[in-house]
Amino acid sequence: MIRKKILKNIEDTYTTEQELLKSLDITHEKLKEHILKLKDVGYKIVYDEEKGYKLQETPDILAPYEISRGLKTEKIGNSIHFYDELESTNDTAKKFVKEDAKEGTVIIAEKQTAGRTRKYDGWVSPEGGIYMTIILRPDVPLIEASKLTIVTGVAIAKTLHDKFGINAGIKWPNDILIDDKKIAGILTEAVTNYSTSELEAVLVGIGIDVNIEDEDIPEELQDVATTVKKEINEELKRADILRVFLYIFEELYEEFNKGNFKYIVSEWRRLSSTTGNRVKVYKNGRVLFADAVGITNEGILIVEKDDGKLEKITSGEVEILK
């Protein structure tokens, strides 16, 4: 909290040491200690004997005090827990749920050693990405929890496409693509009460490939995965992306809680990479080739088969054919 306050005080203008000491109510020694620790993790802070301290450059880190600096949400991100390494942020979030963590708690890892997707265990999660889980406690029936995958996909796509100008689109049900390469994925898991089987929490797991180096992506994934850095030839600060995402996600989550899922679906349609494409659907042990024509107001994929008949896809994996 102290480091967040220091950064807030010096981010826009020079602030004298006396002003900082008064504002923070700490000793000269403590201030020096915190300034040194901020410099150690990459903050470039300049000092002028007359004018004081000023933040000149921010590192690409996901420390809670960096993310919360400028975060404009009311609930999502009210508690942020950061780890250098985890097996899986979703698995760690389950422990937080057992400890009655409040809604909006966010678990973040610099890297995961056993990250998961709907299709794979051990998905690669090297340093430079955003790997996180948001703990939600919606007051909805268990069957409605899967809609939060749609909510999250729209929030990621809106963040990358609308706010950062990255040509990202949504592949039903849980991937974000640039052209035909995956840049982000979602794994939504429901936690139910053991005795009543009622919904206790929803874990929204998210992975976004931001500043990952090419050599850290396994050769077998080079043709199916990409990164923000590779696509725009520029490194973006992950905390900047995360602050925007959490704000947009909270707005959409509020619409979901108000029962306005139709609006979220309309945004999905606008940002879809699926609709209008030939697709290969893997469903219940069978493979279906069809044309993706849209989704229902409940988020169910609609495809048109070669015989002209429409079919609703409620679950399964979809591959967009080139």
C-alpha atoms as a PDB file:
ATOM      1  CA  MET A   1       0.000   0.000   0.000  1.00  0.00           C
ATOM      2  CA  ILE A   2       2.859   2.407   0.833  1.00  0.00           C
ATOM      3  CA  ARG A   3       4.528   1.803  -2.533  1.00  0.00           C
ATOM      4  CA  LYS A   4       1.241   2.415  -4.332  1.00  0.00           C
ATOM      5  CA  LYS A   5       0.889   5.736  -2.494  1.00  0.00           C
ATOM      6  CA  ILE A   6       4.477   6.725  -3.280  1.00  0.00           C
ATOM      7  CA  LEU A   7       3.965   6.031  -6.977  1.00  0.00           C
ATOM      8  CA  LYS A   8       0.648   7.898  -7.017  1.00  0.00           C
ATOM      9  CA  ASN A   9       2.293  10.943  -5.461  1.00  0.00           C
ATOM     10  CA  ILE A  10       5.177  11.076  -7.930  1.00  0.00           C
ATOM     11  CA  GLU A  11       3.648   9.776 -11.158  1.00  0.00           C
ATOM     12  CA  ASP A  12       2.631  13.150 -12.633  1.00  0.00           C
ATOM     13  CA  THR A  13       4.825  15.714 -10.949  1.00  0.00           C
ATOM     14  CA  TYR A  14       7.855  16.179  -8.737  1.00  0.00           C
ATOM     15  CA  THR A  15       7.073  15.788  -5.044  1.00  0.00           C
ATOM     16  CA  THR A  16       9.469  16.868  -2.327  1.00  0.00           C
ATOM     17  CA  GLU A  17      10.648  14.485   0.344  1.00  0.00           C
ATOM     18  CA  GLN A  18       8.920  16.534   3.047  1.00  0.00           C
ATOM     19  CA  GLU A  19       5.616  16.379   1.173  1.00  0.00           C
ATOM     20  CA  LEU A  20       5.966  12.620   0.819  1.00  0.00           C
ATOM     21  CA  LEU A  21       6.827  12.112   4.482  1.00  0.00           C
ATOM     22  CA  LYS A  22       3.818  14.172   5.533  1.00  0.00           C
ATOM     23  CA  SER A  23       1.442  12.497   3.089  1.00  0.00           C
ATOM     24  CA  LEU A  24       2.587   8.955   3.883  1.00  0.00           C
ATOM     25  CA  ASP A  25       3.248   9.436   7.592  1.00  0.00           C
ATOM     26  CA  ILE A  26       6.488   7.448   7.484  1.00  0.00           C
ATOM     27  CA  THR A  27      10.090   8.114   8.450  1.00  0.00           C
ATOM     28  CA  HIS A  28      12.866   9.296   6.163  1.00  0.00           C
ATOM     29  CA  GLU A  29      14.516   5.853   6.457  1.00  0.00           C
ATOM     30  CA  LYS A  30      11.328   4.024   5.481  1.00  0.00           C
ATOM     31  CA  LEU A  31      10.811   6.276   2.483  1.00  0.00           C
ATOM     32  CA  LYS A  32      14.365   5.604   1.271  1.00  0.00           C
ATOM     33  CA  GLU A  33      13.835   1.876   1.776  1.00  0.00           C
ATOM     34  CA  HIS A  34      10.656   1.829  -0.314  1.00  0.00           C
ATOM     35  CA  ILE A  35      12.184   4.004  -3.053  1.00  0.00           C
ATOM     36  CA  LEU A  36      15.149   1.618  -3.307  1.00  0.00           C
ATOM     37  CA  LYS A  37      12.851  -1.414  -3.518  1.00  0.00           C
ATOM     38  CA  LEU A  38      10.820   0.237  -6.277  1.00  0.00           C
ATOM     39  CA  LYS A  39      14.042   0.943  -8.181  1.00  0.00           C
ATOM     40  CA  ASP A  40      15.166  -2.653  -7.677  1.00  0.00           C
ATOM     41  CA  VAL A  41      12.095  -3.998  -9.509  1.00  0.00           C
ATOM     42  CA  GLY A  42      12.541  -1.602 -12.418  1.00  0.00           C
ATOM     43  CA  TYR A  43      10.855   1.704 -11.605  1.00  0.00           C
ATOM     44  CA  LYS A  44      12.935   4.605 -12.886  1.00  0.00           C
ATOM     45  CA  ILE A  45      12.609   7.347 -10.270  1.00  0.00           C
ATOM     46  CA  VAL A  46      14.584  10.566 -10.611  1.00  0.00           C
ATOM     47  CA  TYR A  47      15.484  12.911  -7.773  1.00  0.00           C
ATOM     48  CA  ASP A  48      16.098  16.662  -7.768  1.00  0.00           C
ATOM     49  CA  GLU A  49      17.343  18.325  -4.581  1.00  0.00           C
ATOM     50  CA  GLU A  50      14.886  21.190  -4.923  1.00  0.00           C
ATOM     51  CA  LYS A  51      11.883  19.542  -6.589  1.00  0.00           C
ATOM     52  CA  GLY A  52      12.077  16.050  -5.054  1.00  0.00           C
ATOM     53  CA  TYR A  53      11.109  12.714  -6.606  1.00  0.00           C
ATOM     54  CA  LYS A  54       9.374  11.956  -9.905  1.00  0.00           C
ATOM     55  CA  LEU A  55       8.442   8.691 -11.595  1.00  0.00           C
ATOM     56  CA  GLN A  56      10.008   8.600 -15.038  1.00  0.00           C
ATOM     57  CA  GLU A  57       9.442   5.040 -16.226  1.00  0.00           C
ATOM     58  CA  THR A  58       7.358   2.056 -15.131  1.00  0.00           C
ATOM     59  CA  PRO A  59       8.484  -1.584 -15.536  1.00  0.00           C
ATOM     60  CA  ASP A  60       6.366  -4.353 -17.022  1.00  0.00           C
ATOM     61  CA  ILE A  61       5.360  -5.993 -13.755  1.00  0.00           C
ATOM     62  CA  LEU A  62       2.111  -7.337 -12.311  1.00  0.00           C
ATOM     63  CA  ALA A  63       2.649  -6.415  -8.666  1.00  0.00           C
ATOM     64  CA  PRO A  64      -0.672  -5.677  -6.916  1.00  0.00           C
ATOM     65  CA  TYR A  65       0.390  -2.100  -6.088  1.00  0.00           C
ATOM     66  CA  GLU A  66       1.109  -1.480  -9.786  1.00  0.00           C
ATOM     67  CA  ILE A  67      -2.173  -2.949 -11.024  1.00  0.00           C
ATOM     68  CA  SER A  68      -4.296  -1.177  -8.411  1.00  0.00           C
ATOM     69  CA  ARG A  69      -2.626   2.159  -9.200  1.00  0.00           C
ATOM     70  CA  GLY A  70      -5.250   3.724 -11.447  1.00  0.00           C
ATOM     71  CA  LEU A  71      -7.660   0.771 -11.291  1.00  0.00           C
ATOM     72  CA  LYS A  72     -11.192   2.182 -11.549  1.00  0.00           C
ATOM     73  CA  THR A  73     -13.288  -0.824 -10.592  1.00  0.00           C
ATOM     74  CA  GLU A  74     -15.549  -1.020  -7.558  1.00  0.00           C
ATOM     75  CA  LYS A  75     -15.425  -4.760  -6.906  1.00  0.00           C
ATOM     76  CA  ILE A  76     -13.307  -6.686  -9.410  1.00  0.00           C
ATOM     77  CA  GLY A  77      -9.680  -6.520  -8.273  1.00  0.00           C
ATOM     78  CA  ASN A  78     -10.507  -5.311  -4.760  1.00  0.00           C
ATOM     79  CA  SER A  79      -8.041  -7.959  -3.557  1.00  0.00           C
ATOM     80  CA  ILE A  80      -5.108  -8.983  -5.755  1.00  0.00           C
ATOM     81  CA  HIS A  81      -2.695 -11.803  -4.940  1.00  0.00           C
ATOM     82  CA  PHE A  82       0.464 -12.170  -7.027  1.00  0.00           C
ATOM     83  CA  TYR A  83       2.803 -15.160  -7.210  1.00  0.00           C
ATOM     84  CA  ASP A  84       6.051 -15.585  -9.128  1.00  0.00           C
ATOM     85  CA  GLU A  85       5.045 -19.139 -10.010  1.00  0.00           C
ATOM     86  CA  LEU A  86       1.990 -21.355  -9.564  1.00  0.00           C
ATOM     87  CA  GLU A  87       0.910 -24.677 -10.947  1.00  0.00           C
ATOM     88  CA  SER A  88      -2.459 -23.141 -11.870  1.00  0.00           C
ATOM     89  CA  THR A  89      -4.194 -19.924 -10.831  1.00  0.00           C
ATOM     90  CA  ASN A  90      -7.556 -21.729 -10.935  1.00  0.00           C
ATOM     91  CA  ASP A  91      -6.325 -24.369  -8.504  1.00  0.00           C
ATOM     92  CA  THR A  92      -4.995 -21.696  -6.149  1.00  0.00           C
ATOM     93  CA  ALA A  93      -8.268 -19.775  -6.431  1.00  0.00           C
ATOM     94  CA  LYS A  94     -10.150 -22.866  -5.214  1.00  0.00           C
ATOM     95  CA  LYS A  95      -8.207 -22.627  -1.956  1.00  0.00           C
ATOM     96  CA  PHE A  96      -9.208 -18.977  -1.645  1.00  0.00           C
ATOM     97  CA  VAL A  97     -12.856 -19.924  -2.179  1.00  0.00           C
ATOM     98  CA  LYS A  98     -12.600 -22.408   0.694  1.00  0.00           C
ATOM     99  CA  GLU A  99     -11.265 -19.570   2.842  1.00  0.00           C
ATOM    100  CA  ASP A 100     -14.334 -17.485   1.895  1.00  0.00           C
ATOM    101  CA  ALA A 101     -12.500 -15.014  -0.348  1.00  0.00           C
ATOM    102  CA  LYS A 102     -14.735 -12.139  -1.381  1.00  0.00           C
ATOM    103  CA  GLU A 103     -16.077 -11.679  -4.866  1.00  0.00           C
ATOM    104  CA  GLY A 104     -13.672  -9.886  -7.156  1.00  0.00           C
ATOM    105  CA  THR A 105     -10.533 -11.452  -5.675  1.00  0.00           C
ATOM    106  CA  VAL A 106      -7.885 -11.894  -8.370  1.00  0.00           C
ATOM    107  CA  ILE A 107      -5.084 -14.486  -8.368  1.00  0.00           C
ATOM    108  CA  ILE A 108      -2.158 -13.735 -10.720  1.00  0.00           C
ATOM    109  CA  ALA A 109       0.978 -15.714 -11.558  1.00  0.00           C
ATOM    110  CA  GLU A 110       4.049 -14.586 -13.488  1.00  0.00           C
ATOM    111  CA  LYS A 111       4.163 -18.117 -14.871  1.00  0.00           C
ATOM    112  CA  GLN A 112       2.277 -21.404 -14.481  1.00  0.00           C
ATOM    113  CA  THR A 113       3.800 -24.856 -14.483  1.00  0.00           C
ATOM    114  CA  ALA A 114       0.536 -26.748 -14.988  1.00  0.00           C
ATOM    115  CA  GLY A 115      -1.820 -24.320 -16.676  1.00  0.00           C
ATOM    116  CA  ARG A 116      -4.954 -25.783 -18.238  1.00  0.00           C
ATOM    117  CA  THR A 117      -7.352 -25.094 -21.064  1.00  0.00           C
ATOM    118  CA  ARG A 118     -10.611 -26.840 -21.899  1.00  0.00           C
ATOM    119  CA  LYS A 119      -8.661 -29.085 -24.281  1.00  0.00           C
ATOM    120  CA  TYR A 120      -5.197 -29.430 -22.767  1.00  0.00           C
ATOM    121  CA  ASP A 121      -3.493 -29.899 -19.441  1.00  0.00           C
ATOM    122  CA  GLY A 122      -0.040 -28.359 -19.095  1.00  0.00           C
ATOM    123  CA  TRP A 123      -0.707 -25.446 -21.461  1.00  0.00           C
ATOM    124  CA  VAL A 124       2.469 -23.388 -21.826  1.00  0.00           C
ATOM    125  CA  SER A 125       2.471 -20.312 -19.562  1.00  0.00           C
ATOM    126  CA  PRO A 126       5.956 -18.712 -19.656  1.00  0.00           C
ATOM    127  CA  GLU A 127       6.926 -15.315 -18.265  1.00  0.00           C
ATOM    128  CA  GLY A 128       5.549 -12.333 -20.157  1.00  0.00           C
ATOM    129  CA  GLY A 129       1.887 -13.300 -20.250  1.00  0.00           C
ATOM    130  CA  ILE A 130      -1.117 -12.510 -18.074  1.00  0.00           C
ATOM    131  CA  TYR A 131      -2.263 -15.601 -16.173  1.00  0.00           C
ATOM    132  CA  MET A 132      -5.033 -14.934 -13.719  1.00  0.00           C
ATOM    133  CA  THR A 133      -8.227 -16.162 -12.115  1.00  0.00           C
ATOM    134  CA  ILE A 134     -11.113 -13.993 -10.957  1.00  0.00           C
ATOM    135  CA  ILE A 135     -13.333 -15.311  -8.169  1.00  0.00           C
ATOM    136  CA  LEU A 136     -17.001 -14.537  -8.787  1.00  0.00           C
ATOM    137  CA  ARG A 137     -20.033 -15.287  -6.637  1.00  0.00           C
ATOM    138  CA  PRO A 138     -23.025 -14.674  -8.926  1.00  0.00           C
ATOM    139  CA  ASP A 139     -26.523 -15.281  -7.603  1.00  0.00           C
ATOM    140  CA  VAL A 140     -27.565 -17.513 -10.508  1.00  0.00           C
ATOM    141  CA  PRO A 141     -28.403 -21.190 -11.033  1.00  0.00           C
ATOM    142  CA  LEU A 142     -25.477 -23.489 -11.825  1.00  0.00           C
ATOM    143  CA  ILE A 143     -26.626 -23.873 -15.424  1.00  0.00           C
ATOM    144  CA  GLU A 144     -26.116 -20.130 -15.995  1.00  0.00           C
ATOM    145  CA  ALA A 145     -22.444 -20.175 -14.923  1.00  0.00           C
ATOM    146  CA  SER A 146     -21.191 -21.213 -18.372  1.00  0.00           C
ATOM    147  CA  LYS A 147     -22.401 -17.887 -19.784  1.00  0.00           C
ATOM    148  CA  LEU A 148     -19.528 -16.216 -17.947  1.00  0.00           C
ATOM    149  CA  THR A 149     -17.206 -17.662 -20.587  1.00  0.00           C
ATOM    150  CA  ILE A 150     -19.022 -15.512 -23.154  1.00  0.00           C
ATOM    151  CA  VAL A 151     -18.834 -12.491 -20.822  1.00  0.00           C
ATOM    152  CA  THR A 152     -15.085 -12.962 -20.381  1.00  0.00           C
ATOM    153  CA  GLY A 153     -14.399 -13.477 -24.075  1.00  0.00           C
ATOM    154  CA  VAL A 154     -16.191 -10.240 -24.899  1.00  0.00           C
ATOM    155  CA  ALA A 155     -14.245  -8.396 -22.178  1.00  0.00           C
ATOM    156  CA  ILE A 156     -10.867  -9.603 -23.511  1.00  0.00           C
ATOM    157  CA  ALA A 157     -11.763  -8.850 -27.129  1.00  0.00           C
ATOM    158  CA  LYS A 158     -13.114  -5.388 -26.274  1.00  0.00           C
ATOM    159  CA  THR A 159      -9.934  -4.648 -24.346  1.00  0.00           C
ATOM    160  CA  LEU A 160      -7.532  -5.703 -27.098  1.00  0.00           C
ATOM    161  CA  HIS A 161      -9.624  -4.619 -30.101  1.00  0.00           C
ATOM    162  CA  ASP A 162     -11.403  -1.478 -28.890  1.00  0.00           C
ATOM    163  CA  LYS A 163      -8.887  -0.037 -26.428  1.00  0.00           C
ATOM    164  CA  PHE A 164      -5.494  -1.130 -27.775  1.00  0.00           C
ATOM    165  CA  GLY A 165      -6.261  -1.355 -31.496  1.00  0.00           C
ATOM    166  CA  ILE A 166      -5.306  -5.023 -31.806  1.00  0.00           C
ATOM    167  CA  ASN A 167      -7.271  -6.974 -34.414  1.00  0.00           C
ATOM    168  CA  ALA A 168      -8.544  -9.624 -31.997  1.00  0.00           C
ATOM    169  CA  GLY A 169     -11.745 -11.635 -32.376  1.00  0.00           C
ATOM    170  CA  ILE A 170     -13.611 -14.316 -30.445  1.00  0.00           C
ATOM    171  CA  LYS A 171     -13.672 -17.979 -31.420  1.00  0.00           C
ATOM    172  CA  TRP A 172     -16.584 -19.779 -29.797  1.00  0.00           C
ATOM    173  CA  PRO A 173     -16.630 -20.732 -27.023  1.00  0.00           C
ATOM    174  CA  ASN A 174     -13.475 -19.643 -25.209  1.00  0.00           C
ATOM    175  CA  ASP A 175     -10.568 -18.463 -27.374  1.00  0.00           C
ATOM    176  CA  ILE A 176      -9.423 -15.065 -28.609  1.00  0.00           C
ATOM    177  CA  LEU A 177      -7.722 -15.056 -31.996  1.00  0.00           C
ATOM    178  CA  ILE A 178      -5.691 -12.768 -34.192  1.00  0.00           C
ATOM    179  CA  ASP A 179      -6.336 -14.065 -37.697  1.00  0.00           C
ATOM    180  CA  ASP A 180      -6.255 -17.815 -37.053  1.00  0.00           C
ATOM    181  CA  LYS A 181      -3.794 -17.804 -34.141  1.00  0.00           C
ATOM    182  CA  LYS A 182      -4.728 -17.977 -30.476  1.00  0.00           C
ATOM    183  CA  ILE A 183      -3.700 -15.043 -28.300  1.00  0.00           C
ATOM    184  CA  ALA A 184      -5.883 -15.696 -25.247  1.00  0.00           C
ATOM    185  CA  GLY A 185      -7.936 -18.447 -23.676  1.00  0.00           C
ATOM    186  CA  ILE A 186     -10.524 -18.834 -20.946  1.00  0.00           C
ATOM    187  CA  LEU A 187     -11.217 -21.673 -18.528  1.00  0.00           C
ATOM    188  CA  THR A 188     -14.359 -21.163 -16.446  1.00  0.00           C
ATOM    189  CA  GLU A 189     -14.926 -23.564 -13.559  1.00  0.00           C
ATOM    190  CA  ALA A 190     -17.890 -23.765 -11.195  1.00  0.00           C
ATOM    191  CA  VAL A 191     -17.385 -24.474  -7.507  1.00  0.00           C
ATOM    192  CA  THR A 192     -20.450 -26.052  -5.901  1.00  0.00           C
ATOM    193  CA  ASN A 193     -21.426 -26.607  -2.307  1.00  0.00           C
ATOM    194  CA  TYR A 194     -20.671 -30.231  -1.419  1.00  0.00           C
ATOM    195  CA  SER A 195     -23.851 -30.791   0.568  1.00  0.00           C
ATOM    196  CA  THR A 196     -26.385 -28.808  -1.486  1.00  0.00           C
ATOM    197  CA  SER A 197     -24.774 -28.897  -4.976  1.00  0.00           C
ATOM    198  CA  GLU A 198     -25.657 -25.213  -5.285  1.00  0.00           C
ATOM    199  CA  LEU A 199     -23.300 -22.784  -7.000  1.00  0.00           C
ATOM    200  CA  GLU A 200     -20.810 -21.385  -4.508  1.00  0.00           C
ATOM    201  CA  ALA A 201     -18.407 -19.559  -6.831  1.00  0.00           C
ATOM    202  CA  VAL A 202     -17.250 -19.318 -10.417  1.00  0.00           C
ATOM    203  CA  LEU A 203     -13.556 -19.257 -11.226  1.00  0.00           C
ATOM    204  CA  VAL A 204     -12.782 -17.354 -14.409  1.00  0.00           C
ATOM    205  CA  GLY A 205      -9.317 -18.415 -15.537  1.00  0.00           C
ATOM    206  CA  ILE A 206      -7.677 -16.247 -18.187  1.00  0.00           C
ATOM    207  CA  GLY A 207      -4.432 -16.460 -20.130  1.00  0.00           C
ATOM    208  CA  ILE A 208      -3.327 -13.684 -22.475  1.00  0.00           C
ATOM    209  CA  ASP A 209      -0.050 -13.956 -24.399  1.00  0.00           C
ATOM    210  CA  VAL A 210       1.380 -10.453 -24.210  1.00  0.00           C
ATOM    211  CA  ASN A 211       5.176 -10.061 -24.173  1.00  0.00           C
ATOM    212  CA  ILE A 212       6.233 -13.700 -24.473  1.00  0.00           C
ATOM    213  CA  GLU A 213       9.402 -14.256 -26.486  1.00  0.00           C
ATOM    214  CA  ASP A 214       9.171 -16.434 -29.607  1.00  0.00           C
ATOM    215  CA  GLU A 215      11.710 -18.898 -28.247  1.00  0.00           C
ATOM    216  CA  ASP A 216       9.493 -19.509 -25.202  1.00  0.00           C
ATOM    217  CA  ILE A 217       6.661 -20.813 -27.396  1.00  0.00           C
ATOM    218  CA  PRO A 218       7.154 -24.523 -28.168  1.00  0.00           C
ATOM    219  CA  GLU A 219       7.713 -25.374 -31.803  1.00  0.00           C
ATOM    220  CA  GLU A 220       4.492 -27.400 -31.969  1.00  0.00           C
ATOM    221  CA  LEU A 221       2.488 -24.297 -30.985  1.00  0.00           C
ATOM    222  CA  GLN A 222       4.208 -21.785 -33.277  1.00  0.00           C
ATOM    223  CA  ASP A 223       1.558 -22.206 -35.980  1.00  0.00           C
ATOM    224  CA  VAL A 224      -1.429 -21.908 -33.634  1.00  0.00           C
ATOM    225  CA  ALA A 225      -0.367 -19.313 -31.049  1.00  0.00           C
ATOM    226  CA  THR A 226       0.767 -15.708 -31.169  1.00  0.00           C
ATOM    227  CA  THR A 227       1.456 -12.790 -28.810  1.00  0.00           C
ATOM    228  CA  VAL A 228       0.589  -9.113 -28.567  1.00  0.00           C
ATOM    229  CA  LYS A 229       4.269  -8.220 -28.931  1.00  0.00           C
ATOM    230  CA  LYS A 230       4.649 -10.267 -32.098  1.00  0.00           C
ATOM    231  CA  GLU A 231       1.504  -8.894 -33.706  1.00  0.00           C
ATOM    232  CA  ILE A 232       2.119  -5.185 -33.086  1.00  0.00           C
ATOM    233  CA  ASN A 233       5.934  -5.296 -32.866  1.00  0.00           C
ATOM    234  CA  GLU A 234       5.789  -3.479 -29.541  1.00  0.00           C
ATOM    235  CA  GLU A 235       5.787  -4.324 -25.842  1.00  0.00           C
ATOM    236  CA  LEU A 236       2.758  -3.126 -23.921  1.00  0.00           C
ATOM    237  CA  LYS A 237       2.722  -2.862 -20.154  1.00  0.00           C
ATOM    238  CA  ARG A 238       0.706  -5.816 -18.905  1.00  0.00           C
ATOM    239  CA  ALA A 239      -0.639  -3.851 -15.939  1.00  0.00           C
ATOM    240  CA  ASP A 240      -2.074  -1.285 -18.381  1.00  0.00           C
ATOM    241  CA  ILE A 241      -3.896  -4.050 -20.265  1.00  0.00           C
ATOM    242  CA  LEU A 242      -5.075  -5.638 -17.037  1.00  0.00           C
ATOM    243  CA  ARG A 243      -6.490  -2.424 -15.577  1.00  0.00           C
ATOM    244  CA  VAL A 244      -8.536  -1.816 -18.724  1.00  0.00           C
ATOM    245  CA  PHE A 245      -9.679  -5.433 -18.868  1.00  0.00           C
ATOM    246  CA  LEU A 246     -10.821  -5.528 -15.229  1.00  0.00           C
ATOM    247  CA  TYR A 247     -12.826  -2.325 -15.719  1.00  0.00           C
ATOM    248  CA  ILE A 248     -14.548  -3.630 -18.879  1.00  0.00           C
ATOM    249  CA  PHE A 249     -15.115  -7.030 -17.288  1.00  0.00           C
ATOM    250  CA  GLU A 250     -16.806  -5.432 -14.287  1.00  0.00           C
ATOM    251  CA  GLU A 251     -19.139  -3.448 -16.559  1.00  0.00           C
ATOM    252  CA  LEU A 252     -20.134  -6.587 -18.476  1.00  0.00           C
ATOM    253  CA  TYR A 253     -20.463  -8.643 -15.301  1.00  0.00           C
ATOM    254  CA  GLU A 254     -22.897  -6.046 -13.952  1.00  0.00           C
ATOM    255  CA  GLU A 255     -24.958  -6.404 -17.137  1.00  0.00           C
ATOM    256  CA  PHE A 256     -24.897 -10.190 -16.676  1.00  0.00           C
ATOM    257  CA  ASN A 257     -26.119  -9.858 -13.089  1.00  0.00           C
ATOM    258  CA  LYS A 258     -28.914  -7.534 -14.218  1.00  0.00           C
ATOM    259  CA  GLY A 259     -30.090 -10.162 -16.693  1.00  0.00           C
ATOM    260  CA  ASN A 260     -28.957  -8.176 -19.730  1.00  0.00           C
ATOM    261  CA  PHE A 261     -27.087 -11.052 -21.372  1.00  0.00           C
ATOM    262  CA  LYS A 262     -28.586 -10.040 -24.719  1.00  0.00           C
ATOM    263  CA  TYR A 263     -26.342  -6.947 -24.773  1.00  0.00           C
ATOM    264  CA  ILE A 264     -23.257  -9.084 -24.116  1.00  0.00           C
ATOM    265  CA  VAL A 265     -24.227 -11.407 -26.963  1.00  0.00           C
ATOM    266  CA  SER A 266     -24.620  -8.410 -29.281  1.00  0.00           C
ATOM    267  CA  GLU A 267     -21.038  -7.398 -28.452  1.00  0.00           C
ATOM    268  CA  TRP A 268     -19.910 -10.998 -29.028  1.00  0.00           C
ATOM    269  CA  ARG A 269     -21.454 -10.881 -32.499  1.00  0.00           C
ATOM    270  CA  ARG A 270     -19.629  -7.631 -33.271  1.00  0.00           C
ATOM    271  CA  LEU A 271     -16.293  -9.099 -32.205  1.00  0.00           C
ATOM    272  CA  SER A 272     -16.750 -12.638 -33.516  1.00  0.00           C
ATOM    273  CA  SER A 273     -14.059 -14.459 -35.493  1.00  0.00           C
ATOM    274  CA  THR A 274     -16.389 -17.452 -35.785  1.00  0.00           C
ATOM    275  CA  THR A 275     -19.505 -16.274 -37.599  1.00  0.00           C
ATOM    276  CA  GLY A 276     -19.343 -16.564 -41.388  1.00  0.00           C
ATOM    277  CA  ASN A 277     -16.573 -19.154 -41.390  1.00  0.00           C
ATOM    278  CA  ARG A 278     -16.410 -22.807 -42.272  1.00  0.00           C
ATOM    279  CA  VAL A 279     -15.867 -24.749 -39.043  1.00  0.00           C
ATOM    280  CA  LYS A 280     -15.019 -28.214 -37.816  1.00  0.00           C
ATOM    281  CA  VAL A 281     -16.937 -29.083 -34.650  1.00  0.00           C
ATOM    282  CA  TYR A 282     -15.815 -31.825 -32.266  1.00  0.00           C
ATOM    283  CA  LYS A 283     -18.857 -32.858 -30.254  1.00  0.00           C
ATOM    284  CA  ASN A 284     -19.572 -35.993 -28.210  1.00  0.00           C
ATOM    285  CA  GLY A 285     -17.125 -38.139 -30.154  1.00  0.00           C
ATOM    286  CA  ARG A 286     -18.274 -37.007 -33.602  1.00  0.00           C
ATOM    287  CA  VAL A 287     -16.909 -34.495 -36.076  1.00  0.00           C
ATOM    288  CA  LEU A 288     -19.191 -32.088 -37.908  1.00  0.00           C
ATOM    289  CA  PHE A 289     -18.256 -29.834 -40.830  1.00  0.00           C
ATOM    290  CA  ALA A 290     -20.558 -26.859 -41.182  1.00  0.00           C
ATOM    291  CA  ASP A 291     -20.826 -23.088 -41.602  1.00  0.00           C
ATOM    292  CA  ALA A 292     -21.012 -20.978 -38.436  1.00  0.00           C
ATOM    293  CA  VAL A 293     -23.960 -18.616 -38.844  1.00  0.00           C
ATOM    294  CA  GLY A 294     -24.241 -17.029 -35.375  1.00  0.00           C
ATOM    295  CA  ILE A 295     -25.120 -17.567 -31.749  1.00  0.00           C
ATOM    296  CA  THR A 296     -28.421 -17.435 -29.904  1.00  0.00           C
ATOM    297  CA  ASN A 297     -29.248 -14.902 -27.217  1.00  0.00           C
ATOM    298  CA  GLU A 298     -28.211 -17.610 -24.735  1.00  0.00           C
ATOM    299  CA  GLY A 299     -24.718 -17.877 -26.241  1.00  0.00           C
ATOM    300  CA  ILE A 300     -25.284 -21.176 -28.085  1.00  0.00           C
ATOM    301  CA  LEU A 301     -23.473 -21.561 -31.411  1.00  0.00           C
ATOM    302  CA  ILE A 302     -25.633 -22.042 -34.520  1.00  0.00           C
ATOM    303  CA  VAL A 303     -24.180 -23.863 -37.529  1.00  0.00           C
ATOM    304  CA  GLU A 304     -25.627 -24.662 -40.923  1.00  0.00           C
ATOM    305  CA  LYS A 305     -24.882 -28.180 -42.107  1.00  0.00           C
ATOM    306  CA  ASP A 306     -24.237 -29.097 -45.725  1.00  0.00           C
ATOM    307  CA  ASP A 307     -27.829 -30.281 -46.099  1.00  0.00           C
ATOM    308  CA  GLY A 308     -29.051 -26.787 -45.171  1.00  0.00           C
ATOM    309  CA  LYS A 309     -30.305 -27.748 -41.737  1.00  0.00           C
ATOM    310  CA  LEU A 310     -29.379 -25.673 -38.696  1.00  0.00           C
ATOM    311  CA  GLU A 311     -27.921 -27.229 -35.565  1.00  0.00           C
ATOM    312  CA  LYS A 312     -27.301 -25.704 -32.141  1.00  0.00           C
ATOM    313  CA  ILE A 313     -23.955 -26.474 -30.519  1.00  0.00           C
ATOM    314  CA  THR A 314     -24.159 -26.171 -26.748  1.00  0.00           C
ATOM    315  CA  SER A 315     -20.724 -27.614 -26.026  1.00  0.00           C
ATOM    316  CA  GLY A 316     -17.673 -28.929 -27.841  1.00  0.00           C
ATOM    317  CA  GLU A 317     -14.561 -27.665 -29.574  1.00  0.00           C
ATOM    318  CA  VAL A 318     -14.623 -25.602 -32.741  1.00  0.00           C
ATOM    319  CA  GLU A 319     -11.852 -25.286 -35.286  1.00  0.00           C
ATOM    320  CA  ILE A 320     -12.077 -22.505 -37.850  1.00  0.00           C
ATOM    321  CA  LEU A 321     -11.059 -23.843 -41.247  1.00  0.00           C
ATOM    322  CA  LYS A 322      -8.850 -21.751 -43.504  1.00  0.00           C
END
